[in-house]
N, C-alpha and C. Protein backbone atom coordinates (compact mmCIF):
# COMPACT_ATOMS: atom_id res chain seq x y z
N MET A 1 50.47 0.65 48.55
CA MET A 1 49.69 1.47 47.29
C MET A 1 50.01 0.63 46.16
N ALA A 2 51.39 0.91 45.45
CA ALA A 2 51.85 0.21 44.37
C ALA A 2 51.91 -1.38 44.64
N ASP A 3 52.15 -1.87 45.65
CA ASP A 3 52.01 -3.21 45.56
C ASP A 3 50.43 -3.66 45.69
N GLU A 4 49.85 -2.60 45.91
CA GLU A 4 48.15 -3.22 46.06
C GLU A 4 47.64 -3.22 44.52
N ASN A 5 48.31 -1.99 43.71
CA ASN A 5 47.99 -1.76 42.20
C ASN A 5 48.61 -2.84 41.39
N SER A 6 49.90 -3.32 41.91
CA SER A 6 50.27 -4.53 41.13
C SER A 6 49.67 -5.79 41.22
N SER A 7 49.14 -6.10 42.61
CA SER A 7 48.64 -7.25 42.86
C SER A 7 47.40 -7.24 41.69
N ARG A 8 46.73 -6.18 42.11
CA ARG A 8 45.36 -5.98 41.13
C ARG A 8 45.59 -6.33 39.84
N LEU A 9 46.74 -5.90 39.00
CA LEU A 9 46.91 -6.09 37.70
C LEU A 9 47.40 -7.20 37.65
N GLU A 10 47.99 -7.91 38.29
CA GLU A 10 48.36 -9.28 38.20
C GLU A 10 47.14 -10.30 38.16
N LYS A 11 45.88 -10.02 38.86
CA LYS A 11 44.79 -10.69 38.91
C LYS A 11 43.99 -10.43 37.56
N LEU A 12 44.06 -8.84 37.33
CA LEU A 12 43.28 -8.53 35.99
C LEU A 12 43.70 -9.59 34.96
N GLU A 13 45.13 -9.44 34.71
CA GLU A 13 45.79 -10.29 33.67
C GLU A 13 45.72 -11.62 33.68
N SER A 14 45.50 -12.44 34.93
CA SER A 14 45.02 -13.73 34.84
C SER A 14 43.73 -14.09 34.63
N HIS A 15 43.28 -13.03 35.12
CA HIS A 15 41.54 -13.22 34.61
C HIS A 15 41.27 -12.97 32.94
N LEU A 16 42.10 -12.22 32.44
CA LEU A 16 41.85 -12.02 30.90
C LEU A 16 42.64 -13.26 30.35
N ALA A 17 43.69 -13.48 30.70
CA ALA A 17 44.01 -14.74 30.33
C ALA A 17 43.42 -15.98 30.30
N HIS A 18 42.60 -16.39 31.38
CA HIS A 18 41.35 -17.19 31.59
C HIS A 18 40.24 -17.03 30.74
N LEU A 19 40.22 -15.84 30.13
CA LEU A 19 38.65 -15.51 29.03
C LEU A 19 39.32 -15.25 28.02
N GLU A 20 40.41 -15.41 27.87
CA GLU A 20 40.87 -15.47 26.09
C GLU A 20 41.26 -16.98 25.98
N HIS A 21 41.28 -17.85 27.12
CA HIS A 21 41.58 -19.20 26.61
C HIS A 21 40.22 -19.87 26.32
N GLN A 22 39.31 -19.21 27.42
CA GLN A 22 37.56 -19.75 27.23
C GLN A 22 37.26 -19.30 25.88
N VAL A 23 37.22 -18.35 25.22
CA VAL A 23 37.30 -17.87 24.31
C VAL A 23 37.80 -18.61 22.87
N GLU A 24 38.96 -18.73 23.00
CA GLU A 24 39.45 -19.81 22.13
C GLU A 24 38.40 -21.25 22.01
N GLN A 25 38.23 -21.73 23.27
CA GLN A 25 37.72 -22.96 23.36
C GLN A 25 36.32 -23.04 22.49
N LEU A 26 35.28 -21.97 22.97
CA LEU A 26 34.33 -21.68 22.69
C LEU A 26 34.32 -21.59 21.14
N ASN A 27 35.51 -20.96 20.33
CA ASN A 27 35.27 -20.47 19.26
C ASN A 27 35.40 -21.92 18.44
N ALA A 28 36.42 -22.78 18.93
CA ALA A 28 36.90 -24.09 18.59
C ALA A 28 35.15 -25.02 18.31
N VAL A 29 34.51 -25.12 19.48
CA VAL A 29 33.42 -25.59 19.33
C VAL A 29 32.25 -25.20 18.16
N VAL A 30 32.10 -23.69 18.29
CA VAL A 30 31.46 -23.20 16.89
C VAL A 30 32.01 -23.53 15.74
N ILE A 31 33.16 -23.69 15.55
CA ILE A 31 33.38 -24.13 14.17
C ILE A 31 33.54 -25.71 14.06
N GLU A 32 33.34 -26.31 15.18
CA GLU A 32 33.23 -27.85 14.90
C GLU A 32 31.77 -27.92 14.59
N GLN A 33 30.67 -27.33 15.24
CA GLN A 33 29.52 -27.18 15.15
C GLN A 33 29.07 -26.61 13.65
N VAL A 34 29.51 -25.65 13.11
CA VAL A 34 29.28 -24.77 11.95
C VAL A 34 29.72 -26.38 10.81
N LYS A 35 30.43 -27.16 11.06
CA LYS A 35 31.06 -28.34 10.00
C LYS A 35 29.96 -29.47 10.29
N MET A 36 29.80 -29.53 11.47
CA MET A 36 28.74 -30.76 11.65
C MET A 36 27.31 -30.10 10.94
N LEU A 37 27.00 -28.91 10.97
CA LEU A 37 25.57 -28.39 10.40
C LEU A 37 25.74 -28.67 9.01
N GLU A 38 26.86 -28.35 8.36
CA GLU A 38 27.05 -28.19 6.93
C GLU A 38 26.80 -29.83 6.33
N ARG A 39 27.44 -30.54 6.99
CA ARG A 39 27.42 -32.28 6.91
C ARG A 39 25.72 -32.64 6.92
N LEU A 40 25.45 -32.02 7.85
CA LEU A 40 23.83 -32.74 8.37
C LEU A 40 23.13 -32.09 7.16
N LYS A 41 23.35 -30.89 6.62
CA LYS A 41 22.27 -30.06 5.74
C LYS A 41 22.41 -30.95 4.47
N LYS A 42 23.61 -31.53 3.93
CA LYS A 42 23.97 -31.74 2.94
C LYS A 42 23.63 -33.33 2.99
N GLU A 43 23.38 -33.84 4.22
CA GLU A 43 22.79 -35.26 4.37
C GLU A 43 21.34 -35.30 4.03
N VAL A 44 20.57 -34.10 4.59
CA VAL A 44 19.32 -34.23 4.75
C VAL A 44 18.84 -33.98 3.49
N GLN A 45 19.76 -33.01 2.33
CA GLN A 45 19.25 -32.87 0.67
C GLN A 45 19.41 -34.06 0.29
N ARG A 46 20.24 -34.50 0.72
CA ARG A 46 20.81 -36.45 -0.26
C ARG A 46 19.62 -37.16 0.19
N GLN A 47 19.11 -36.96 1.16
CA GLN A 47 17.88 -38.21 2.05
C GLN A 47 16.79 -37.59 0.99
N SER A 48 16.50 -36.08 1.05
CA SER A 48 15.48 -35.86 0.31
C SER A 48 15.17 -36.17 -0.77
N THR A 49 16.41 -35.97 -1.81
CA THR A 49 16.47 -36.08 -2.98
C THR A 49 15.96 -37.97 -3.41
N ALA A 50 16.75 -38.73 -2.45
CA ALA A 50 16.32 -39.96 -2.59
C ALA A 50 15.01 -40.26 -2.33
N MET A 51 14.41 -39.54 -1.43
CA MET A 51 13.00 -39.95 -0.89
C MET A 51 12.19 -39.41 -2.04
N GLN A 52 12.19 -38.55 -2.68
CA GLN A 52 11.63 -38.11 -3.85
C GLN A 52 11.86 -39.08 -5.02
N THR A 53 12.75 -39.37 -5.46
CA THR A 53 13.08 -40.15 -6.67
C THR A 53 12.28 -41.53 -6.01
N LEU A 54 12.49 -42.09 -4.87
CA LEU A 54 11.64 -43.37 -4.90
C LEU A 54 10.33 -43.23 -4.87
N GLU A 55 9.64 -41.97 -4.43
CA GLU A 55 8.24 -41.76 -4.74
C GLU A 55 7.91 -41.50 -5.97
N LEU A 56 8.41 -40.70 -7.00
CA LEU A 56 8.48 -40.84 -7.83
C LEU A 56 8.49 -42.16 -8.88
N GLU A 57 9.07 -43.12 -8.33
CA GLU A 57 9.24 -44.39 -9.16
C GLU A 57 7.98 -45.35 -8.57
N ARG A 58 7.49 -45.01 -7.25
CA ARG A 58 6.22 -45.61 -6.74
C ARG A 58 5.01 -45.32 -7.44
N ILE A 59 4.76 -43.86 -7.92
CA ILE A 59 4.21 -43.54 -8.65
C ILE A 59 3.58 -44.06 -9.83
N LYS A 60 4.86 -43.85 -10.59
CA LYS A 60 5.21 -44.25 -11.97
C LYS A 60 4.92 -45.86 -11.92
N ALA A 61 5.18 -46.84 -10.95
CA ALA A 61 4.86 -48.19 -10.92
C ALA A 61 3.26 -48.15 -10.61
N ASN A 62 2.82 -47.73 -9.96
CA ASN A 62 1.12 -47.60 -9.80
C ASN A 62 0.53 -47.09 -10.99
N ASN A 63 1.16 -46.21 -11.28
CA ASN A 63 0.11 -45.50 -12.82
C ASN A 63 0.25 -45.97 -13.77
N GLN A 64 -0.52 -47.35 -14.25
CA GLN A 64 -0.14 -48.09 -15.32
C GLN A 64 -1.12 -47.63 -16.30
N LYS A 65 -0.51 -47.81 -17.73
CA LYS A 65 -1.08 -47.25 -18.96
C LYS A 65 -2.34 -48.21 -19.00
N PRO A 66 -3.15 -47.27 -19.95
CA PRO A 66 -4.53 -48.05 -20.10
C PRO A 66 -4.40 -49.14 -21.07
N PRO A 67 -5.31 -50.19 -21.06
CA PRO A 67 -4.68 -51.35 -22.18
C PRO A 67 -4.49 -50.64 -23.74
N HIS A 68 -5.22 -49.70 -24.18
CA HIS A 68 -5.29 -49.18 -25.36
C HIS A 68 -3.89 -48.56 -26.00
N TYR A 69 -3.12 -48.49 -24.82
CA TYR A 69 -1.93 -47.87 -24.92
C TYR A 69 -0.61 -48.94 -25.00
N GLN A 70 -1.00 -50.11 -24.60
CA GLN A 70 -0.09 -51.39 -24.60
C GLN A 70 0.03 -51.98 -25.74
């Protein structure tokens, strides 16, 4: 009975070590994804700002002053 309990305990410890390793790996993946998400958010914001600037410049270029203002 003691050998059986010892064997079961070793198996549980082995499974626990394996699960801890998997959790560490998954945590590393999540951390990388968060970093990538932050970079992508900044890039989208930068692109959005650039597009707004270009759109405003296009509107200003197409919105000519009336002749009596020139």
